[in-house]
């Protein structure tokens, strides 16, 4: 198994590109605090642990070859993003009540934050395809058996994802004061909402393979 550093670098570059997971971690951290942001990050990581396990067992390659299974995952993922987008827009409309002195921390349970992170990843077919398209390119024919190589690469993916999103939580925690003003919070929520809905439309229109 060669090029582990290259593999980690490519994985990090793919993760850094803002997507639903990034927005969910950001929104939970800014609106509900560092613990909620961390729980969202753990939810995302848990989903990748499941995908990694399926990759090691070889089941993930079967799932991606079944058109209707893949299509169902895509539709459910898009619907969930639309749901989160609508929720964000509703939150933005509530923030437009400027009579309040500021924005209080949202009373969102850690489980809710965890669930949002988990579902955004487990219902994202692009995350599923990562283990089919990117990861296999770094498997070698000699030395360690294939399953062990997949396990090692998957562990690297999980660690990179967890570290990256916990780093994001750390950064977002320091800029959350910017969102204490109702107008700024409303603009942020509207932006996140429309981006999530846009991502869901893009997901539905994307090709299945």
C-alpha atoms as a PDB file:
ATOM      1  CA  UNK A   1       0.000   0.000   0.000  1.00  0.00           C
ATOM      2  CA  UNK A   2       1.760   3.106  -1.287  1.00  0.00           C
ATOM      3  CA  UNK A   3       1.013   6.801  -1.132  1.00  0.00           C
ATOM      4  CA  UNK A   4      -0.676   6.993   2.276  1.00  0.00           C
ATOM      5  CA  UNK A   5       0.362  10.651   2.622  1.00  0.00           C
ATOM      6  CA  UNK A   6      -1.058  11.417  -0.824  1.00  0.00           C
ATOM      7  CA  UNK A   7      -4.251   9.578   0.106  1.00  0.00           C
ATOM      8  CA  UNK A   8      -4.660  11.589   3.324  1.00  0.00           C
ATOM      9  CA  UNK A   9      -3.956  14.848   1.462  1.00  0.00           C
ATOM     10  CA  UNK A  10      -6.548  14.110  -1.235  1.00  0.00           C
ATOM     11  CA  UNK A  11      -9.078  13.049   1.411  1.00  0.00           C
ATOM     12  CA  UNK A  12      -8.517  16.267   3.345  1.00  0.00           C
ATOM     13  CA  UNK A  13      -8.930  18.383   0.210  1.00  0.00           C
ATOM     14  CA  UNK A  14     -12.219  16.625  -0.569  1.00  0.00           C
ATOM     15  CA  UNK A  15     -13.484  17.156   2.989  1.00  0.00           C
ATOM     16  CA  UNK A  16     -12.426  20.813   3.153  1.00  0.00           C
ATOM     17  CA  UNK A  17     -14.746  21.726   0.262  1.00  0.00           C
ATOM     18  CA  UNK A  18     -17.843  23.077   2.068  1.00  0.00           C
ATOM     19  CA  UNK A  19     -20.855  20.795   1.839  1.00  0.00           C
ATOM     20  CA  UNK A  20     -23.855  19.766   3.981  1.00  0.00           C
ATOM     21  CA  UNK A  21     -21.652  18.342   6.740  1.00  0.00           C
ATOM     22  CA  UNK A  22     -19.653  21.557   6.991  1.00  0.00           C
ATOM     23  CA  UNK A  23     -22.815  23.658   7.192  1.00  0.00           C
ATOM     24  CA  UNK A  24     -24.372  21.422   9.841  1.00  0.00           C
ATOM     25  CA  UNK A  25     -21.280  21.558  12.067  1.00  0.00           C
ATOM     26  CA  UNK A  26     -21.062  25.316  11.579  1.00  0.00           C
ATOM     27  CA  UNK A  27     -24.741  25.925  12.304  1.00  0.00           C
ATOM     28  CA  UNK A  28     -24.788  23.733  15.424  1.00  0.00           C
ATOM     29  CA  UNK A  29     -21.635  25.316  16.817  1.00  0.00           C
ATOM     30  CA  UNK A  30     -22.730  28.904  16.218  1.00  0.00           C
ATOM     31  CA  UNK A  31     -26.327  28.502  17.354  1.00  0.00           C
ATOM     32  CA  UNK A  32     -26.046  25.888  20.105  1.00  0.00           C
ATOM     33  CA  UNK A  33     -22.454  25.864  21.293  1.00  0.00           C
ATOM     34  CA  UNK A  34     -19.212  23.919  21.094  1.00  0.00           C
ATOM     35  CA  UNK A  35     -20.651  20.693  22.540  1.00  0.00           C
ATOM     36  CA  UNK A  36     -23.413  20.535  19.931  1.00  0.00           C
ATOM     37  CA  UNK A  37     -20.939  21.247  17.157  1.00  0.00           C
ATOM     38  CA  UNK A  38     -18.726  18.439  18.440  1.00  0.00           C
ATOM     39  CA  UNK A  39     -21.683  16.060  18.582  1.00  0.00           C
ATOM     40  CA  UNK A  40     -22.540  16.907  14.960  1.00  0.00           C
ATOM     41  CA  UNK A  41     -18.906  16.130  14.063  1.00  0.00           C
ATOM     42  CA  UNK A  42     -19.161  12.801  15.914  1.00  0.00           C
ATOM     43  CA  UNK A  43     -22.359  12.006  14.007  1.00  0.00           C
ATOM     44  CA  UNK A  44     -20.567  12.592  10.709  1.00  0.00           C
ATOM     45  CA  UNK A  45     -17.659  10.433  11.861  1.00  0.00           C
ATOM     46  CA  UNK A  46     -20.025   7.642  12.984  1.00  0.00           C
ATOM     47  CA  UNK A  47     -21.579   7.521   9.518  1.00  0.00           C
ATOM     48  CA  UNK A  48     -18.119   7.154   7.991  1.00  0.00           C
ATOM     49  CA  UNK A  49     -17.346   4.362  10.448  1.00  0.00           C
ATOM     50  CA  UNK A  50     -20.378   2.494   9.096  1.00  0.00           C
ATOM     51  CA  UNK A  51     -19.337   3.112   5.492  1.00  0.00           C
ATOM     52  CA  UNK A  52     -15.780   2.041   6.326  1.00  0.00           C
ATOM     53  CA  UNK A  53     -17.039  -1.179   7.883  1.00  0.00           C
ATOM     54  CA  UNK A  54     -19.133  -1.895   4.795  1.00  0.00           C
ATOM     55  CA  UNK A  55     -16.073  -1.220   2.630  1.00  0.00           C
ATOM     56  CA  UNK A  56     -13.934  -3.674   4.615  1.00  0.00           C
ATOM     57  CA  UNK A  57     -16.645  -6.335   4.290  1.00  0.00           C
ATOM     58  CA  UNK A  58     -17.071  -5.590   0.585  1.00  0.00           C
ATOM     59  CA  UNK A  59     -20.779  -4.850   1.024  1.00  0.00           C
ATOM     60  CA  UNK A  60     -20.412  -1.229  -0.056  1.00  0.00           C
ATOM     61  CA  UNK A  61     -19.463  -2.300  -3.583  1.00  0.00           C
ATOM     62  CA  UNK A  62     -22.642  -4.359  -3.810  1.00  0.00           C
ATOM     63  CA  UNK A  63     -24.786  -1.434  -2.604  1.00  0.00           C
ATOM     64  CA  UNK A  64     -23.406   0.960  -5.203  1.00  0.00           C
ATOM     65  CA  UNK A  65     -24.097  -1.572  -7.962  1.00  0.00           C
ATOM     66  CA  UNK A  66     -27.788  -1.787  -7.028  1.00  0.00           C
ATOM     67  CA  UNK A  67     -29.433   1.096  -8.884  1.00  0.00           C
ATOM     68  CA  UNK A  68     -32.616   1.340  -6.830  1.00  0.00           C
ATOM     69  CA  UNK A  69     -30.795   1.161  -3.478  1.00  0.00           C
ATOM     70  CA  UNK A  70     -28.506   3.952  -4.592  1.00  0.00           C
ATOM     71  CA  UNK A  71     -31.476   5.959  -5.907  1.00  0.00           C
ATOM     72  CA  UNK A  72     -33.349   5.608  -2.612  1.00  0.00           C
ATOM     73  CA  UNK A  73     -30.312   6.844  -0.672  1.00  0.00           C
ATOM     74  CA  UNK A  74     -30.057   9.805  -3.047  1.00  0.00           C
ATOM     75  CA  UNK A  75     -33.736  10.748  -2.706  1.00  0.00           C
ATOM     76  CA  UNK A  76     -33.754  10.385   1.084  1.00  0.00           C
ATOM     77  CA  UNK A  77     -30.581  12.440   1.318  1.00  0.00           C
ATOM     78  CA  UNK A  78     -32.039  15.212  -0.838  1.00  0.00           C
ATOM     79  CA  UNK A  79     -35.268  15.260   1.163  1.00  0.00           C
ATOM     80  CA  UNK A  80     -33.352  15.515   4.414  1.00  0.00           C
ATOM     81  CA  UNK A  81     -31.289  18.437   3.116  1.00  0.00           C
ATOM     82  CA  UNK A  82     -34.482  20.184   2.027  1.00  0.00           C
ATOM     83  CA  UNK A  83     -35.924  19.617   5.504  1.00  0.00           C
ATOM     84  CA  UNK A  84     -32.833  21.125   7.156  1.00  0.00           C
ATOM     85  CA  UNK A  85     -32.885  24.017   4.680  1.00  0.00           C
ATOM     86  CA  UNK A  86     -36.529  24.819   5.421  1.00  0.00           C
ATOM     87  CA  UNK A  87     -35.835  24.622   9.158  1.00  0.00           C
ATOM     88  CA  UNK A  88     -32.970  27.082   8.751  1.00  0.00           C
ATOM     89  CA  UNK A  89     -35.138  29.507   6.767  1.00  0.00           C
ATOM     90  CA  UNK A  90     -37.852  29.289   9.429  1.00  0.00           C
ATOM     91  CA  UNK A  91     -35.223  30.077  12.057  1.00  0.00           C
ATOM     92  CA  UNK A  92     -34.128  33.079   9.980  1.00  0.00           C
ATOM     93  CA  UNK A  93     -37.675  34.415   9.857  1.00  0.00           C
ATOM     94  CA  UNK A  94     -37.952  34.119  13.635  1.00  0.00           C
ATOM     95  CA  UNK A  95     -34.663  36.017  14.001  1.00  0.00           C
ATOM     96  CA  UNK A  96     -36.141  38.965  12.125  1.00  0.00           C
ATOM     97  CA  UNK A  97     -37.900  39.981  15.352  1.00  0.00           C
ATOM     98  CA  UNK A  98     -35.451  42.733  16.255  1.00  0.00           C
ATOM     99  CA  UNK A  99     -37.148  43.629  19.523  1.00  0.00           C
ATOM    100  CA  UNK A 100     -34.965  41.177  21.382  1.00  0.00           C
ATOM    101  CA  UNK A 101     -31.648  42.256  22.843  1.00  0.00           C
ATOM    102  CA  UNK A 102     -29.732  39.498  21.137  1.00  0.00           C
ATOM    103  CA  UNK A 103     -29.850  35.896  20.099  1.00  0.00           C
ATOM    104  CA  UNK A 104     -29.944  33.293  22.819  1.00  0.00           C
ATOM    105  CA  UNK A 105     -28.248  29.952  22.437  1.00  0.00           C
ATOM    106  CA  UNK A 106     -30.731  27.544  20.862  1.00  0.00           C
ATOM    107  CA  UNK A 107     -31.895  24.793  23.188  1.00  0.00           C
ATOM    108  CA  UNK A 108     -30.992  21.915  20.882  1.00  0.00           C
ATOM    109  CA  UNK A 109     -30.163  18.553  22.402  1.00  0.00           C
ATOM    110  CA  UNK A 110     -26.790  16.955  21.756  1.00  0.00           C
ATOM    111  CA  UNK A 111     -28.608  13.950  20.303  1.00  0.00           C
ATOM    112  CA  UNK A 112     -30.324  16.197  17.736  1.00  0.00           C
ATOM    113  CA  UNK A 113     -26.968  17.632  16.679  1.00  0.00           C
ATOM    114  CA  UNK A 114     -25.492  14.128  16.493  1.00  0.00           C
ATOM    115  CA  UNK A 115     -28.451  12.903  14.443  1.00  0.00           C
ATOM    116  CA  UNK A 116     -28.172  15.795  11.989  1.00  0.00           C
ATOM    117  CA  UNK A 117     -24.501  15.079  11.390  1.00  0.00           C
ATOM    118  CA  UNK A 118     -25.070  11.337  11.088  1.00  0.00           C
ATOM    119  CA  UNK A 119     -28.021  11.542   8.686  1.00  0.00           C
ATOM    120  CA  UNK A 120     -26.406  14.205   6.490  1.00  0.00           C
ATOM    121  CA  UNK A 121     -23.524  11.801   5.825  1.00  0.00           C
ATOM    122  CA  UNK A 122     -25.207   8.398   5.810  1.00  0.00           C
ATOM    123  CA  UNK A 123     -27.801   9.697   3.307  1.00  0.00           C
ATOM    124  CA  UNK A 124     -25.190  11.358   1.098  1.00  0.00           C
ATOM    125  CA  UNK A 125     -24.424   9.137  -1.925  1.00  0.00           C
ATOM    126  CA  UNK A 126     -21.251  11.142  -2.574  1.00  0.00           C
ATOM    127  CA  UNK A 127     -19.865   9.873   0.738  1.00  0.00           C
ATOM    128  CA  UNK A 128     -20.784   6.353  -0.351  1.00  0.00           C
ATOM    129  CA  UNK A 129     -19.090   6.794  -3.721  1.00  0.00           C
ATOM    130  CA  UNK A 130     -15.884   8.035  -2.060  1.00  0.00           C
ATOM    131  CA  UNK A 131     -15.210   4.512  -0.770  1.00  0.00           C
ATOM    132  CA  UNK A 132     -15.803   3.082  -4.232  1.00  0.00           C
ATOM    133  CA  UNK A 133     -13.996   5.616  -6.438  1.00  0.00           C
ATOM    134  CA  UNK A 134     -11.181   7.232  -4.413  1.00  0.00           C
ATOM    135  CA  UNK A 135     -10.136   4.697  -1.800  1.00  0.00           C
ATOM    136  CA  UNK A 136      -9.567   1.709  -4.164  1.00  0.00           C
ATOM    137  CA  UNK A 137      -7.034   3.712  -6.186  1.00  0.00           C
ATOM    138  CA  UNK A 138      -4.601   3.470  -3.262  1.00  0.00           C
ATOM    139  CA  UNK A 139      -4.759  -0.302  -2.830  1.00  0.00           C
ATOM    140  CA  UNK A 140      -1.699  -2.331  -3.844  1.00  0.00           C
ATOM    141  CA  UNK A 141      -1.557  -5.950  -4.997  1.00  0.00           C
ATOM    142  CA  UNK A 142       1.412  -6.985  -2.885  1.00  0.00           C
ATOM    143  CA  UNK A 143       2.076  -7.158   0.845  1.00  0.00           C
ATOM    144  CA  UNK A 144      -0.896  -6.657   3.151  1.00  0.00           C
ATOM    145  CA  UNK A 145      -4.136  -8.314   2.032  1.00  0.00           C
ATOM    146  CA  UNK A 146      -6.776  -6.078   0.495  1.00  0.00           C
ATOM    147  CA  UNK A 147      -9.169  -6.100   3.476  1.00  0.00           C
ATOM    148  CA  UNK A 148      -6.397  -4.959   5.802  1.00  0.00           C
ATOM    149  CA  UNK A 149      -5.437  -2.186   3.374  1.00  0.00           C
ATOM    150  CA  UNK A 150      -9.057  -1.008   3.168  1.00  0.00           C
ATOM    151  CA  UNK A 151      -9.252  -1.050   6.980  1.00  0.00           C
ATOM    152  CA  UNK A 152      -6.071   1.036   7.341  1.00  0.00           C
ATOM    153  CA  UNK A 153      -7.147   3.570   4.714  1.00  0.00           C
ATOM    154  CA  UNK A 154     -10.640   3.764   6.206  1.00  0.00           C
ATOM    155  CA  UNK A 155      -9.173   4.414   9.657  1.00  0.00           C
ATOM    156  CA  UNK A 156      -7.114   7.239   8.149  1.00  0.00           C
ATOM    157  CA  UNK A 157     -10.298   8.695   6.595  1.00  0.00           C
ATOM    158  CA  UNK A 158     -12.147   8.553   9.920  1.00  0.00           C
ATOM    159  CA  UNK A 159      -9.308  10.258  11.803  1.00  0.00           C
ATOM    160  CA  UNK A 160      -8.941  12.999   9.172  1.00  0.00           C
ATOM    161  CA  UNK A 161     -12.695  13.680   9.206  1.00  0.00           C
ATOM    162  CA  UNK A 162     -12.916  13.806  12.998  1.00  0.00           C
ATOM    163  CA  UNK A 163      -9.869  16.069  13.382  1.00  0.00           C
ATOM    164  CA  UNK A 164     -11.006  18.419  10.587  1.00  0.00           C
ATOM    165  CA  UNK A 165     -14.521  18.947  11.912  1.00  0.00           C
ATOM    166  CA  UNK A 166     -13.376  19.327  15.527  1.00  0.00           C
ATOM    167  CA  UNK A 167     -10.968  21.968  14.233  1.00  0.00           C
ATOM    168  CA  UNK A 168     -13.931  23.646  12.509  1.00  0.00           C
ATOM    169  CA  UNK A 169     -15.831  23.613  15.819  1.00  0.00           C
ATOM    170  CA  UNK A 170     -12.858  25.302  17.484  1.00  0.00           C
ATOM    171  CA  UNK A 171     -12.789  28.038  14.822  1.00  0.00           C
ATOM    172  CA  UNK A 172     -16.567  28.566  14.744  1.00  0.00           C
ATOM    173  CA  UNK A 173     -16.639  28.892  18.526  1.00  0.00           C
ATOM    174  CA  UNK A 174     -14.508  32.025  18.254  1.00  0.00           C
ATOM    175  CA  UNK A 175     -16.559  33.695  15.530  1.00  0.00           C
ATOM    176  CA  UNK A 176     -19.982  32.965  17.047  1.00  0.00           C
ATOM    177  CA  UNK A 177     -20.097  36.398  18.720  1.00  0.00           C
ATOM    178  CA  UNK A 178     -20.472  37.835  15.231  1.00  0.00           C
ATOM    179  CA  UNK A 179     -23.843  36.094  15.037  1.00  0.00           C
ATOM    180  CA  UNK A 180     -25.209  37.533  18.277  1.00  0.00           C
ATOM    181  CA  UNK A 181     -26.915  40.274  16.267  1.00  0.00           C
ATOM    182  CA  UNK A 182     -30.373  39.279  14.938  1.00  0.00           C
ATOM    183  CA  UNK A 183     -29.730  40.639  11.421  1.00  0.00           C
ATOM    184  CA  UNK A 184     -26.469  38.731  11.052  1.00  0.00           C
ATOM    185  CA  UNK A 185     -28.050  35.539  12.387  1.00  0.00           C
ATOM    186  CA  UNK A 186     -31.020  35.906  10.031  1.00  0.00           C
ATOM    187  CA  UNK A 187     -28.752  36.417   7.009  1.00  0.00           C
ATOM    188  CA  UNK A 188     -26.673  33.406   8.067  1.00  0.00           C
ATOM    189  CA  UNK A 189     -29.729  31.172   8.505  1.00  0.00           C
ATOM    190  CA  UNK A 190     -31.241  32.263   5.181  1.00  0.00           C
ATOM    191  CA  UNK A 191     -27.914  31.605   3.437  1.00  0.00           C
ATOM    192  CA  UNK A 192     -27.483  28.170   5.016  1.00  0.00           C
ATOM    193  CA  UNK A 193     -31.107  27.281   4.242  1.00  0.00           C
ATOM    194  CA  UNK A 194     -30.939  28.185   0.563  1.00  0.00           C
ATOM    195  CA  UNK A 195     -27.527  26.525   0.150  1.00  0.00           C
ATOM    196  CA  UNK A 196     -28.836  23.274   1.665  1.00  0.00           C
ATOM    197  CA  UNK A 197     -31.868  23.342  -0.622  1.00  0.00           C
ATOM    198  CA  UNK A 198     -29.574  24.094  -3.578  1.00  0.00           C
ATOM    199  CA  UNK A 199     -27.335  21.163  -2.636  1.00  0.00           C
ATOM    200  CA  UNK A 200     -30.385  18.900  -2.439  1.00  0.00           C
ATOM    201  CA  UNK A 201     -31.455  19.909  -5.963  1.00  0.00           C
ATOM    202  CA  UNK A 202     -27.914  19.330  -7.219  1.00  0.00           C
ATOM    203  CA  UNK A 203     -27.942  15.917  -5.548  1.00  0.00           C
ATOM    204  CA  UNK A 204     -31.191  14.939  -7.238  1.00  0.00           C
ATOM    205  CA  UNK A 205     -29.969  16.090 -10.665  1.00  0.00           C
ATOM    206  CA  UNK A 206     -26.563  14.422 -10.363  1.00  0.00           C
ATOM    207  CA  UNK A 207     -25.919  11.156 -12.178  1.00  0.00           C
ATOM    208  CA  UNK A 208     -26.081   7.933 -10.227  1.00  0.00           C
ATOM    209  CA  UNK A 209     -22.704   6.744 -11.354  1.00  0.00           C
END
